[in-house]
Amino acid sequence: MTPPHPQTPRFLAPAQVAELLSIDIDEVIALVHAGHLRGAPLGAPARWRIEEPSIEEYLAAQTEEARRMALWRQSQAASFPELWGRSVTPFA
């Protein structure tokens, strides 16, 4: 019995990625140029194709960034007495 071959990445057209992410095709290409998605122009004439696994990685990174920003906003809203467990007595 031969071991299973590792799956080769599936490539999607920018229009397919744009539909999945609910963004414009130009934004998909900009994400590729910025390094957030892995893609390359393939074929002749060259047409952009984006690796499907990079979409999942991009979404995971965006989710993590949103989680961190929420925690940061929450920490900015907390007061020092709340952080240290002491109550503040007003000046009389």
C-alpha atoms as a PDB file:
ATOM      1  CA  MET A   1       0.000   0.000   0.000  1.00  0.00           C
ATOM      2  CA  THR A   2       1.477   3.352  -1.015  1.00  0.00           C
ATOM      3  CA  PRO A   3       1.273   6.330   1.314  1.00  0.00           C
ATOM      4  CA  PRO A   4      -1.144   9.061   0.238  1.00  0.00           C
ATOM      5  CA  HIS A   5       0.388  11.903  -1.736  1.00  0.00           C
ATOM      6  CA  PRO A   6       0.367  15.289  -0.082  1.00  0.00           C
ATOM      7  CA  GLN A   7      -2.344  17.407  -1.610  1.00  0.00           C
ATOM      8  CA  THR A   8      -1.199  20.014  -4.038  1.00  0.00           C
ATOM      9  CA  PRO A   9      -2.714  23.406  -3.359  1.00  0.00           C
ATOM     10  CA  ARG A  10      -5.818  24.290  -5.283  1.00  0.00           C
ATOM     11  CA  PHE A  11      -5.673  27.580  -7.176  1.00  0.00           C
ATOM     12  CA  LEU A  12      -8.619  29.950  -7.462  1.00  0.00           C
ATOM     13  CA  ALA A  13      -9.289  32.846  -9.783  1.00  0.00           C
ATOM     14  CA  PRO A  14      -9.382  36.318  -8.203  1.00  0.00           C
ATOM     15  CA  ALA A  15     -13.118  36.535  -8.915  1.00  0.00           C
ATOM     16  CA  GLN A  16     -13.706  33.350  -6.898  1.00  0.00           C
ATOM     17  CA  VAL A  17     -11.631  34.674  -3.993  1.00  0.00           C
ATOM     18  CA  ALA A  18     -13.385  38.041  -4.177  1.00  0.00           C
ATOM     19  CA  GLU A  19     -16.744  36.299  -3.915  1.00  0.00           C
ATOM     20  CA  LEU A  20     -15.589  34.183  -0.959  1.00  0.00           C
ATOM     21  CA  LEU A  21     -14.267  37.231   0.923  1.00  0.00           C
ATOM     22  CA  SER A  22     -17.005  39.643  -0.244  1.00  0.00           C
ATOM     23  CA  ILE A  23     -14.457  42.121  -1.605  1.00  0.00           C
ATOM     24  CA  ASP A  24     -13.526  43.505  -5.036  1.00  0.00           C
ATOM     25  CA  ILE A  25     -11.172  41.713  -7.408  1.00  0.00           C
ATOM     26  CA  ASP A  26      -8.751  44.653  -7.183  1.00  0.00           C
ATOM     27  CA  GLU A  27      -8.618  44.162  -3.415  1.00  0.00           C
ATOM     28  CA  VAL A  28      -7.748  40.481  -3.917  1.00  0.00           C
ATOM     29  CA  ILE A  29      -4.845  41.421  -6.199  1.00  0.00           C
ATOM     30  CA  ALA A  30      -3.743  44.071  -3.666  1.00  0.00           C
ATOM     31  CA  LEU A  31      -3.730  41.394  -0.921  1.00  0.00           C
ATOM     32  CA  VAL A  32      -1.496  39.241  -3.140  1.00  0.00           C
ATOM     33  CA  HIS A  33       0.885  42.149  -3.786  1.00  0.00           C
ATOM     34  CA  ALA A  34       0.962  42.940  -0.050  1.00  0.00           C
ATOM     35  CA  GLY A  35       1.869  39.316   0.738  1.00  0.00           C
ATOM     36  CA  HIS A  36      -1.334  38.511   2.631  1.00  0.00           C
ATOM     37  CA  LEU A  37      -2.407  35.948   0.009  1.00  0.00           C
ATOM     38  CA  ARG A  38      -0.135  33.678  -2.021  1.00  0.00           C
ATOM     39  CA  GLY A  39      -0.724  33.897  -5.729  1.00  0.00           C
ATOM     40  CA  ALA A  40       0.988  34.093  -9.079  1.00  0.00           C
ATOM     41  CA  PRO A  41       0.183  34.865 -12.669  1.00  0.00           C
ATOM     42  CA  LEU A  42      -0.129  31.490 -14.420  1.00  0.00           C
ATOM     43  CA  GLY A  43      -0.659  30.438 -18.009  1.00  0.00           C
ATOM     44  CA  ALA A  44      -0.424  32.259 -21.307  1.00  0.00           C
ATOM     45  CA  PRO A  45      -1.812  34.834 -21.335  1.00  0.00           C
ATOM     46  CA  ALA A  46      -0.984  35.185 -17.671  1.00  0.00           C
ATOM     47  CA  ARG A  47      -3.941  35.192 -15.280  1.00  0.00           C
ATOM     48  CA  TRP A  48      -3.705  35.519 -11.534  1.00  0.00           C
ATOM     49  CA  ARG A  49      -4.372  32.432  -9.436  1.00  0.00           C
ATOM     50  CA  ILE A  50      -4.471  32.382  -5.627  1.00  0.00           C
ATOM     51  CA  GLU A  51      -3.581  29.360  -3.475  1.00  0.00           C
ATOM     52  CA  GLU A  52      -6.669  28.228  -1.598  1.00  0.00           C
ATOM     53  CA  PRO A  53      -4.807  27.444   1.675  1.00  0.00           C
ATOM     54  CA  SER A  54      -3.559  31.032   1.819  1.00  0.00           C
ATOM     55  CA  ILE A  55      -7.177  32.230   2.051  1.00  0.00           C
ATOM     56  CA  GLU A  56      -7.708  30.196   5.223  1.00  0.00           C
ATOM     57  CA  GLU A  57      -4.415  31.500   6.637  1.00  0.00           C
ATOM     58  CA  TYR A  58      -5.398  35.086   5.820  1.00  0.00           C
ATOM     59  CA  LEU A  59      -8.792  34.686   7.511  1.00  0.00           C
ATOM     60  CA  ALA A  60      -7.171  33.100  10.581  1.00  0.00           C
ATOM     61  CA  ALA A  61      -4.706  36.012  10.802  1.00  0.00           C
ATOM     62  CA  GLN A  62      -7.549  38.533  10.479  1.00  0.00           C
ATOM     63  CA  THR A  63      -9.514  36.738  13.213  1.00  0.00           C
ATOM     64  CA  GLU A  64      -6.495  36.777  15.524  1.00  0.00           C
ATOM     65  CA  GLU A  65      -5.912  40.483  14.838  1.00  0.00           C
ATOM     66  CA  ALA A  66      -9.554  41.246  15.653  1.00  0.00           C
ATOM     67  CA  ARG A  67      -9.292  39.229  18.884  1.00  0.00           C
ATOM     68  CA  ARG A  68      -6.161  41.109  19.948  1.00  0.00           C
ATOM     69  CA  MET A  69      -7.701  44.487  19.138  1.00  0.00           C
ATOM     70  CA  ALA A  70     -10.800  43.609  21.176  1.00  0.00           C
ATOM     71  CA  LEU A  71      -8.621  42.654  24.135  1.00  0.00           C
ATOM     72  CA  TRP A  72      -6.613  45.876  23.761  1.00  0.00           C
ATOM     73  CA  ARG A  73      -9.801  48.002  23.671  1.00  0.00           C
ATOM     74  CA  GLN A  74     -11.083  46.146  26.714  1.00  0.00           C
ATOM     75  CA  SER A  75      -7.850  46.830  28.600  1.00  0.00           C
ATOM     76  CA  GLN A  76      -8.027  50.524  27.678  1.00  0.00           C
ATOM     77  CA  ALA A  77     -11.550  50.749  29.119  1.00  0.00           C
ATOM     78  CA  ALA A  78     -10.576  49.145  32.435  1.00  0.00           C
ATOM     79  CA  SER A  79      -9.646  51.422  35.299  1.00  0.00           C
ATOM     80  CA  PHE A  80      -6.763  50.784  37.653  1.00  0.00           C
ATOM     81  CA  PRO A  81      -9.020  49.970  40.620  1.00  0.00           C
ATOM     82  CA  GLU A  82     -10.705  47.335  38.475  1.00  0.00           C
ATOM     83  CA  LEU A  83      -7.327  45.900  37.554  1.00  0.00           C
ATOM     84  CA  TRP A  84      -5.964  45.791  41.090  1.00  0.00           C
ATOM     85  CA  GLY A  85      -9.182  44.905  42.901  1.00  0.00           C
ATOM     86  CA  ARG A  86      -9.296  48.020  45.091  1.00  0.00           C
ATOM     87  CA  SER A  87     -12.101  50.490  45.381  1.00  0.00           C
ATOM     88  CA  VAL A  88     -11.519  54.200  45.038  1.00  0.00           C
ATOM     89  CA  THR A  89     -12.698  56.477  47.806  1.00  0.00           C
ATOM     90  CA  PRO A  90     -13.651  59.976  46.630  1.00  0.00           C
ATOM     91  CA  PHE A  91     -12.032  62.995  48.271  1.00  0.00           C
ATOM     92  CA  ALA A  92     -14.244  64.649  50.854  1.00  0.00           C
END
